[in-house]
Amino acid sequence: MGIEVELVELLIFQLLGSAFLSRFEGETPAIKKILKWVTLHGITVGLFYVTGHYALLFPVLLICIGAPFHIIWCKNNGIDPMKATPRKKYYELRKWKWEE
């Protein structure tokens, strides 16, 4: 099987990431979100041509490293790591404009 496995994994990560973590990216500019996904996909596909299916480890490692950091950062700042609440406090931490 070729690169299809990597592409399916990337699609699943993108769908799950968007579905569960989009509330953390509410005011992030679209170009920044697009560049994040393009970079992740580009590196993974590039690694496939160098390492074969071991490229699947790259996104998994990012999640394994990023998830604990995310949870610790949220807990230290009094934010629910799954719901991004309280929203006003989260917006203040991210230096986003809060509109009531």
C-alpha atoms as a PDB file:
ATOM      1  CA  MET A   1       0.000   0.000   0.000  1.00  0.00           C
ATOM      2  CA  GLY A   2       1.291   3.448  -0.864  1.00  0.00           C
ATOM      3  CA  ILE A   3       0.852   6.912   0.542  1.00  0.00           C
ATOM      4  CA  GLU A   4      -2.901   6.419   0.942  1.00  0.00           C
ATOM      5  CA  VAL A   5      -2.436   5.297   4.558  1.00  0.00           C
ATOM      6  CA  GLU A   6      -0.690   8.542   5.470  1.00  0.00           C
ATOM      7  CA  LEU A   7      -3.294  10.641   3.669  1.00  0.00           C
ATOM      8  CA  VAL A   8      -6.155   8.879   5.462  1.00  0.00           C
ATOM      9  CA  GLU A   9      -4.414   9.353   8.825  1.00  0.00           C
ATOM     10  CA  LEU A  10      -3.911  13.062   8.099  1.00  0.00           C
ATOM     11  CA  LEU A  11      -7.548  13.414   7.108  1.00  0.00           C
ATOM     12  CA  ILE A  12      -8.684  11.721  10.317  1.00  0.00           C
ATOM     13  CA  PHE A  13      -6.416  13.934  12.445  1.00  0.00           C
ATOM     14  CA  GLN A  14      -7.658  17.040  10.665  1.00  0.00           C
ATOM     15  CA  LEU A  15     -11.305  16.066  11.112  1.00  0.00           C
ATOM     16  CA  LEU A  16     -10.902  15.151  14.777  1.00  0.00           C
ATOM     17  CA  GLY A  17      -8.725  18.173  15.491  1.00  0.00           C
ATOM     18  CA  SER A  18     -11.235  20.511  13.896  1.00  0.00           C
ATOM     19  CA  ALA A  19     -14.185  18.868  15.598  1.00  0.00           C
ATOM     20  CA  PHE A  20     -12.790  18.736  19.125  1.00  0.00           C
ATOM     21  CA  LEU A  21     -10.277  21.570  19.319  1.00  0.00           C
ATOM     22  CA  SER A  22     -11.725  24.298  17.100  1.00  0.00           C
ATOM     23  CA  ARG A  23     -13.008  26.189  20.151  1.00  0.00           C
ATOM     24  CA  PHE A  24      -9.347  26.857  21.026  1.00  0.00           C
ATOM     25  CA  GLU A  25      -8.771  28.519  17.645  1.00  0.00           C
ATOM     26  CA  GLY A  26     -11.790  30.838  17.577  1.00  0.00           C
ATOM     27  CA  GLU A  27      -9.976  34.081  16.782  1.00  0.00           C
ATOM     28  CA  THR A  28      -6.895  32.625  15.120  1.00  0.00           C
ATOM     29  CA  PRO A  29      -6.523  34.065  11.609  1.00  0.00           C
ATOM     30  CA  ALA A  30      -7.535  31.637   8.862  1.00  0.00           C
ATOM     31  CA  ILE A  31      -4.145  31.868   7.147  1.00  0.00           C
ATOM     32  CA  LYS A  32      -2.403  30.707  10.331  1.00  0.00           C
ATOM     33  CA  LYS A  33      -4.712  27.683  10.630  1.00  0.00           C
ATOM     34  CA  ILE A  34      -4.258  26.833   6.946  1.00  0.00           C
ATOM     35  CA  LEU A  35      -0.467  27.102   7.203  1.00  0.00           C
ATOM     36  CA  LYS A  36      -0.489  24.839  10.262  1.00  0.00           C
ATOM     37  CA  TRP A  37      -2.332  22.089   8.374  1.00  0.00           C
ATOM     38  CA  VAL A  38      -0.321  22.533   5.166  1.00  0.00           C
ATOM     39  CA  THR A  39       2.912  22.275   7.168  1.00  0.00           C
ATOM     40  CA  LEU A  40       1.767  19.141   9.004  1.00  0.00           C
ATOM     41  CA  HIS A  41       0.642  17.499   5.765  1.00  0.00           C
ATOM     42  CA  GLY A  42       3.752  18.577   3.863  1.00  0.00           C
ATOM     43  CA  ILE A  43       6.178  17.257   6.463  1.00  0.00           C
ATOM     44  CA  THR A  44       4.307  13.963   6.790  1.00  0.00           C
ATOM     45  CA  VAL A  45       4.151  13.413   3.029  1.00  0.00           C
ATOM     46  CA  GLY A  46       7.809  14.414   2.702  1.00  0.00           C
ATOM     47  CA  LEU A  47       8.775  11.969   5.438  1.00  0.00           C
ATOM     48  CA  PHE A  48       6.855   9.226   3.634  1.00  0.00           C
ATOM     49  CA  TYR A  49       9.231   9.496   0.684  1.00  0.00           C
ATOM     50  CA  VAL A  50      12.219   9.262   3.028  1.00  0.00           C
ATOM     51  CA  THR A  51      11.067   6.811   5.702  1.00  0.00           C
ATOM     52  CA  GLY A  52       8.058   5.053   4.214  1.00  0.00           C
ATOM     53  CA  HIS A  53       5.203   4.318   6.575  1.00  0.00           C
ATOM     54  CA  TYR A  54       7.266   5.467   9.565  1.00  0.00           C
ATOM     55  CA  ALA A  55       6.059   8.918   8.532  1.00  0.00           C
ATOM     56  CA  LEU A  56       2.843   8.017  10.371  1.00  0.00           C
ATOM     57  CA  LEU A  57       4.765   8.516  13.607  1.00  0.00           C
ATOM     58  CA  PHE A  58       5.276  12.244  12.999  1.00  0.00           C
ATOM     59  CA  PRO A  59       1.670  13.390  13.595  1.00  0.00           C
ATOM     60  CA  VAL A  60       1.290  10.860  16.411  1.00  0.00           C
ATOM     61  CA  LEU A  61       4.415  12.221  18.126  1.00  0.00           C
ATOM     62  CA  LEU A  62       3.122  15.782  17.760  1.00  0.00           C
ATOM     63  CA  ILE A  63      -0.087  14.779  19.509  1.00  0.00           C
ATOM     64  CA  CYS A  64       1.771  12.873  22.229  1.00  0.00           C
ATOM     65  CA  ILE A  65       3.953  15.922  22.906  1.00  0.00           C
ATOM     66  CA  GLY A  66       1.303  18.604  22.371  1.00  0.00           C
ATOM     67  CA  ALA A  67      -1.584  17.104  24.341  1.00  0.00           C
ATOM     68  CA  PRO A  68       0.171  17.044  27.751  1.00  0.00           C
ATOM     69  CA  PHE A  69       1.539  20.558  27.146  1.00  0.00           C
ATOM     70  CA  HIS A  70      -1.965  21.756  26.230  1.00  0.00           C
ATOM     71  CA  ILE A  71      -3.550  20.148  29.301  1.00  0.00           C
ATOM     72  CA  ILE A  72      -0.889  21.478  31.693  1.00  0.00           C
ATOM     73  CA  TRP A  73      -1.045  24.999  30.201  1.00  0.00           C
ATOM     74  CA  CYS A  74      -4.838  25.055  30.462  1.00  0.00           C
ATOM     75  CA  LYS A  75      -4.874  23.715  34.036  1.00  0.00           C
ATOM     76  CA  ASN A  76      -2.176  26.194  35.147  1.00  0.00           C
ATOM     77  CA  ASN A  77      -4.230  29.053  33.717  1.00  0.00           C
ATOM     78  CA  GLY A  78      -7.607  27.911  35.074  1.00  0.00           C
ATOM     79  CA  ILE A  79      -9.013  26.868  31.691  1.00  0.00           C
ATOM     80  CA  ASP A  80     -10.913  23.644  31.030  1.00  0.00           C
ATOM     81  CA  PRO A  81      -8.640  21.768  28.573  1.00  0.00           C
ATOM     82  CA  MET A  82     -11.559  20.298  26.598  1.00  0.00           C
ATOM     83  CA  LYS A  83     -14.104  23.136  26.619  1.00  0.00           C
ATOM     84  CA  ALA A  84     -11.874  26.245  26.657  1.00  0.00           C
ATOM     85  CA  THR A  85     -13.964  27.684  29.463  1.00  0.00           C
ATOM     86  CA  PRO A  86     -14.269  30.216  30.978  1.00  0.00           C
ATOM     87  CA  ARG A  87     -14.254  31.777  27.512  1.00  0.00           C
ATOM     88  CA  LYS A  88     -13.579  35.334  28.634  1.00  0.00           C
ATOM     89  CA  LYS A  89     -10.499  34.289  30.598  1.00  0.00           C
ATOM     90  CA  TYR A  90      -9.263  32.176  27.683  1.00  0.00           C
ATOM     91  CA  TYR A  91      -9.647  35.125  25.291  1.00  0.00           C
ATOM     92  CA  GLU A  92      -7.709  37.341  27.695  1.00  0.00           C
ATOM     93  CA  LEU A  93      -4.876  34.786  27.905  1.00  0.00           C
ATOM     94  CA  ARG A  94      -4.687  34.598  24.112  1.00  0.00           C
ATOM     95  CA  LYS A  95      -4.893  38.427  23.900  1.00  0.00           C
ATOM     96  CA  TRP A  96      -7.988  38.227  21.714  1.00  0.00           C
ATOM     97  CA  LYS A  97     -10.702  40.862  21.791  1.00  0.00           C
ATOM     98  CA  TRP A  98     -13.673  39.806  23.916  1.00  0.00           C
ATOM     99  CA  GLU A  99     -17.018  41.088  22.647  1.00  0.00           C
ATOM    100  CA  GLU A 100     -20.112  40.739  24.816  1.00  0.00           C
END
